Amino acid sequence: MVNRPPETFDPDYVATLRKILDIAVEQIAQENRTPATKAKMAQTIVRRAADGVTDANDLVLSAVRVGETRAA
């Protein structure tokens, strides 16, 4: 995997990450879909992407795992 620093996240890539977040949010329980939980899921996606993870399914699964527990 290639390390991808955040400064290389162009607008199209950010839009793709947003779509990944939307897909992940749809897969968690309705009661967990709070702004705090969504933010936690988004952070997970961005961190993993910055570490070089480019597989959308992997990013979705990581975010879903985090979203299974409601953030305070």
N, C-alpha and C. Protein backbone atom coordinates (compact mmCIF):
# COMPACT_ATOMS: atom_id res chain seq x y z
N MET A 1 0.83 -1.19 0.00
CA MET A 1 0.00 0.00 0.00
C MET A 1 0.88 1.25 0.00
N VAL A 2 0.36 2.28 -0.62
CA VAL A 2 1.07 3.55 -0.69
C VAL A 2 0.49 4.48 0.35
N ASN A 3 1.37 5.12 1.11
CA ASN A 3 0.90 6.09 2.09
C ASN A 3 0.38 7.31 1.35
N ARG A 4 -0.81 7.76 1.72
CA ARG A 4 -1.46 8.88 1.04
C ARG A 4 -1.71 9.99 2.05
N PRO A 5 -0.83 11.01 2.10
CA PRO A 5 -1.01 12.09 3.07
C PRO A 5 -2.29 12.88 2.82
N PRO A 6 -2.91 13.41 3.88
CA PRO A 6 -4.18 14.13 3.74
C PRO A 6 -4.14 15.26 2.72
N GLU A 7 -3.01 15.91 2.56
CA GLU A 7 -2.98 17.03 1.62
C GLU A 7 -3.19 16.59 0.17
N THR A 8 -3.16 15.30 -0.10
CA THR A 8 -3.42 14.82 -1.46
C THR A 8 -4.88 14.44 -1.66
N PHE A 9 -5.72 14.69 -0.69
CA PHE A 9 -7.15 14.38 -0.80
C PHE A 9 -7.82 15.49 -1.62
N ASP A 10 -7.85 15.29 -2.92
CA ASP A 10 -8.48 16.28 -3.78
C ASP A 10 -10.01 16.22 -3.60
N PRO A 11 -10.73 17.21 -4.11
CA PRO A 11 -12.19 17.25 -3.92
C PRO A 11 -12.92 15.99 -4.38
N ASP A 12 -12.47 15.39 -5.48
CA ASP A 12 -13.11 14.16 -5.96
C ASP A 12 -12.92 13.01 -4.98
N TYR A 13 -11.72 12.92 -4.42
CA TYR A 13 -11.44 11.85 -3.45
C TYR A 13 -12.25 12.07 -2.17
N VAL A 14 -12.35 13.32 -1.74
CA VAL A 14 -13.16 13.63 -0.57
C VAL A 14 -14.62 13.25 -0.82
N ALA A 15 -15.12 13.51 -2.01
CA ALA A 15 -16.50 13.13 -2.37
C ALA A 15 -16.66 11.61 -2.31
N THR A 16 -15.65 10.89 -2.75
CA THR A 16 -15.69 9.43 -2.68
C THR A 16 -15.72 8.96 -1.23
N LEU A 17 -14.90 9.58 -0.39
CA LEU A 17 -14.89 9.21 1.03
C LEU A 17 -16.24 9.52 1.67
N ARG A 18 -16.87 10.59 1.24
CA ARG A 18 -18.20 10.94 1.75
C ARG A 18 -19.23 9.86 1.37
N LYS A 19 -19.14 9.38 0.14
CA LYS A 19 -20.04 8.31 -0.29
C LYS A 19 -19.82 7.04 0.53
N ILE A 20 -18.55 6.76 0.82
CA ILE A 20 -18.22 5.61 1.66
C ILE A 20 -18.84 5.77 3.04
N LEU A 21 -18.76 6.98 3.59
CA LEU A 21 -19.38 7.24 4.90
C LEU A 21 -20.89 7.03 4.81
N ASP A 22 -21.52 7.55 3.79
CA ASP A 22 -22.98 7.38 3.64
C ASP A 22 -23.37 5.90 3.58
N ILE A 23 -22.60 5.11 2.85
CA ILE A 23 -22.86 3.68 2.75
C ILE A 23 -22.71 3.02 4.12
N ALA A 24 -21.66 3.39 4.84
CA ALA A 24 -21.41 2.81 6.16
C ALA A 24 -22.52 3.18 7.15
N VAL A 25 -22.95 4.42 7.13
CA VAL A 25 -24.00 4.87 8.05
C VAL A 25 -25.29 4.09 7.82
N GLU A 26 -25.59 3.78 6.58
CA GLU A 26 -26.80 3.01 6.27
C GLU A 26 -26.76 1.60 6.88
N GLN A 27 -25.58 1.14 7.24
CA GLN A 27 -25.42 -0.22 7.74
C GLN A 27 -25.40 -0.33 9.26
N ILE A 28 -25.54 0.80 9.96
CA ILE A 28 -25.58 0.74 11.42
C ILE A 28 -27.01 0.97 11.90
N ALA A 29 -27.24 0.61 13.15
CA ALA A 29 -28.57 0.77 13.72
C ALA A 29 -29.00 2.23 13.70
N GLN A 30 -30.29 2.45 13.46
CA GLN A 30 -30.84 3.80 13.39
C GLN A 30 -30.52 4.63 14.62
N GLU A 31 -30.61 4.00 15.80
CA GLU A 31 -30.36 4.74 17.05
C GLU A 31 -28.90 5.17 17.21
N ASN A 32 -28.01 4.59 16.43
CA ASN A 32 -26.60 4.98 16.50
C ASN A 32 -26.23 6.08 15.50
N ARG A 33 -27.16 6.48 14.68
CA ARG A 33 -26.87 7.46 13.62
C ARG A 33 -26.91 8.90 14.15
N THR A 34 -26.10 9.15 15.16
CA THR A 34 -26.01 10.48 15.74
C THR A 34 -24.87 11.25 15.07
N PRO A 35 -24.88 12.56 15.17
CA PRO A 35 -23.76 13.33 14.61
C PRO A 35 -22.40 12.91 15.17
N ALA A 36 -22.36 12.60 16.46
CA ALA A 36 -21.09 12.19 17.08
C ALA A 36 -20.60 10.85 16.52
N THR A 37 -21.52 9.91 16.35
CA THR A 37 -21.14 8.61 15.80
C THR A 37 -20.69 8.75 14.35
N LYS A 38 -21.42 9.55 13.58
CA LYS A 38 -21.03 9.77 12.19
C LYS A 38 -19.65 10.42 12.11
N ALA A 39 -19.37 11.36 13.00
CA ALA A 39 -18.05 12.01 13.02
C ALA A 39 -16.96 11.00 13.34
N LYS A 40 -17.24 10.12 14.28
CA LYS A 40 -16.28 9.08 14.65
C LYS A 40 -16.03 8.15 13.46
N MET A 41 -17.08 7.82 12.74
CA MET A 41 -16.94 6.97 11.56
C MET A 41 -16.15 7.68 10.47
N ALA A 42 -16.42 8.95 10.26
CA ALA A 42 -15.70 9.73 9.26
C ALA A 42 -14.21 9.81 9.59
N GLN A 43 -13.90 10.00 10.86
CA GLN A 43 -12.49 10.04 11.28
C GLN A 43 -11.80 8.73 10.97
N THR A 44 -12.50 7.64 11.20
CA THR A 44 -11.93 6.32 10.92
C THR A 44 -11.63 6.18 9.43
N ILE A 45 -12.57 6.58 8.60
CA ILE A 45 -12.38 6.48 7.15
C ILE A 45 -11.20 7.33 6.71
N VAL A 46 -11.12 8.56 7.17
CA VAL A 46 -10.05 9.46 6.75
C VAL A 46 -8.69 8.96 7.24
N ARG A 47 -8.63 8.49 8.48
CA ARG A 47 -7.36 7.96 9.01
C ARG A 47 -6.88 6.76 8.20
N ARG A 48 -7.80 5.84 7.92
CA ARG A 48 -7.42 4.63 7.16
C ARG A 48 -7.01 5.02 5.74
N ALA A 49 -7.73 5.95 5.14
CA ALA A 49 -7.37 6.40 3.79
C ALA A 49 -6.00 7.08 3.80
N ALA A 50 -5.72 7.87 4.83
CA ALA A 50 -4.42 8.52 4.95
C ALA A 50 -3.30 7.50 5.14
N ASP A 51 -3.64 6.36 5.72
CA ASP A 51 -2.66 5.28 5.90
C ASP A 51 -2.47 4.47 4.62
N GLY A 52 -3.23 4.80 3.59
CA GLY A 52 -3.04 4.15 2.31
C GLY A 52 -4.10 3.13 1.94
N VAL A 53 -5.10 2.93 2.79
CA VAL A 53 -6.17 1.99 2.46
C VAL A 53 -7.03 2.62 1.38
N THR A 54 -7.18 1.93 0.27
CA THR A 54 -7.96 2.45 -0.84
C THR A 54 -9.17 1.59 -1.18
N ASP A 55 -9.27 0.42 -0.58
CA ASP A 55 -10.40 -0.47 -0.86
C ASP A 55 -11.66 0.06 -0.17
N ALA A 56 -12.67 0.39 -0.96
CA ALA A 56 -13.91 0.98 -0.41
C ALA A 56 -14.58 0.03 0.58
N ASN A 57 -14.61 -1.26 0.28
CA ASN A 57 -15.24 -2.22 1.19
C ASN A 57 -14.53 -2.27 2.53
N ASP A 58 -13.22 -2.21 2.50
CA ASP A 58 -12.44 -2.21 3.74
C ASP A 58 -12.75 -0.95 4.56
N LEU A 59 -12.83 0.19 3.88
CA LEU A 59 -13.14 1.44 4.58
C LEU A 59 -14.55 1.41 5.17
N VAL A 60 -15.50 0.88 4.42
CA VAL A 60 -16.88 0.76 4.92
C VAL A 60 -16.91 -0.13 6.15
N LEU A 61 -16.29 -1.30 6.07
CA LEU A 61 -16.31 -2.24 7.20
C LEU A 61 -15.68 -1.63 8.44
N SER A 62 -14.58 -0.91 8.27
CA SER A 62 -13.94 -0.26 9.41
C SER A 62 -14.86 0.76 10.06
N ALA A 63 -15.52 1.55 9.23
CA ALA A 63 -16.44 2.57 9.75
C ALA A 63 -17.65 1.93 10.42
N VAL A 64 -18.17 0.87 9.85
CA VAL A 64 -19.33 0.19 10.45
C VAL A 64 -18.97 -0.36 11.83
N ARG A 65 -17.78 -0.96 11.94
CA ARG A 65 -17.35 -1.48 13.25
C ARG A 65 -17.34 -0.37 14.30
N VAL A 66 -16.84 0.79 13.91
CA VAL A 66 -16.79 1.91 14.85
C VAL A 66 -18.21 2.41 15.16
N GLY A 67 -19.07 2.41 14.15
CA GLY A 67 -20.43 2.92 14.32
C GLY A 67 -21.37 2.01 15.06
N GLU A 68 -20.96 0.78 15.31
CA GLU A 68 -21.82 -0.14 16.05
C GLU A 68 -22.00 0.29 17.50
N THR A 69 -21.05 1.07 18.00
CA THR A 69 -21.14 1.61 19.35
C THR A 69 -21.43 3.10 19.25
N ARG A 70 -22.53 3.51 19.80
CA ARG A 70 -22.94 4.92 19.73
C ARG A 70 -21.96 5.81 20.46
N ALA A 71 -21.54 6.87 19.81
CA ALA A 71 -20.63 7.85 20.43
C ALA A 71 -21.43 8.74 21.37
N ALA A 72 -20.78 9.19 22.41
CA ALA A 72 -21.44 10.04 23.40
C ALA A 72 -21.68 11.43 22.87
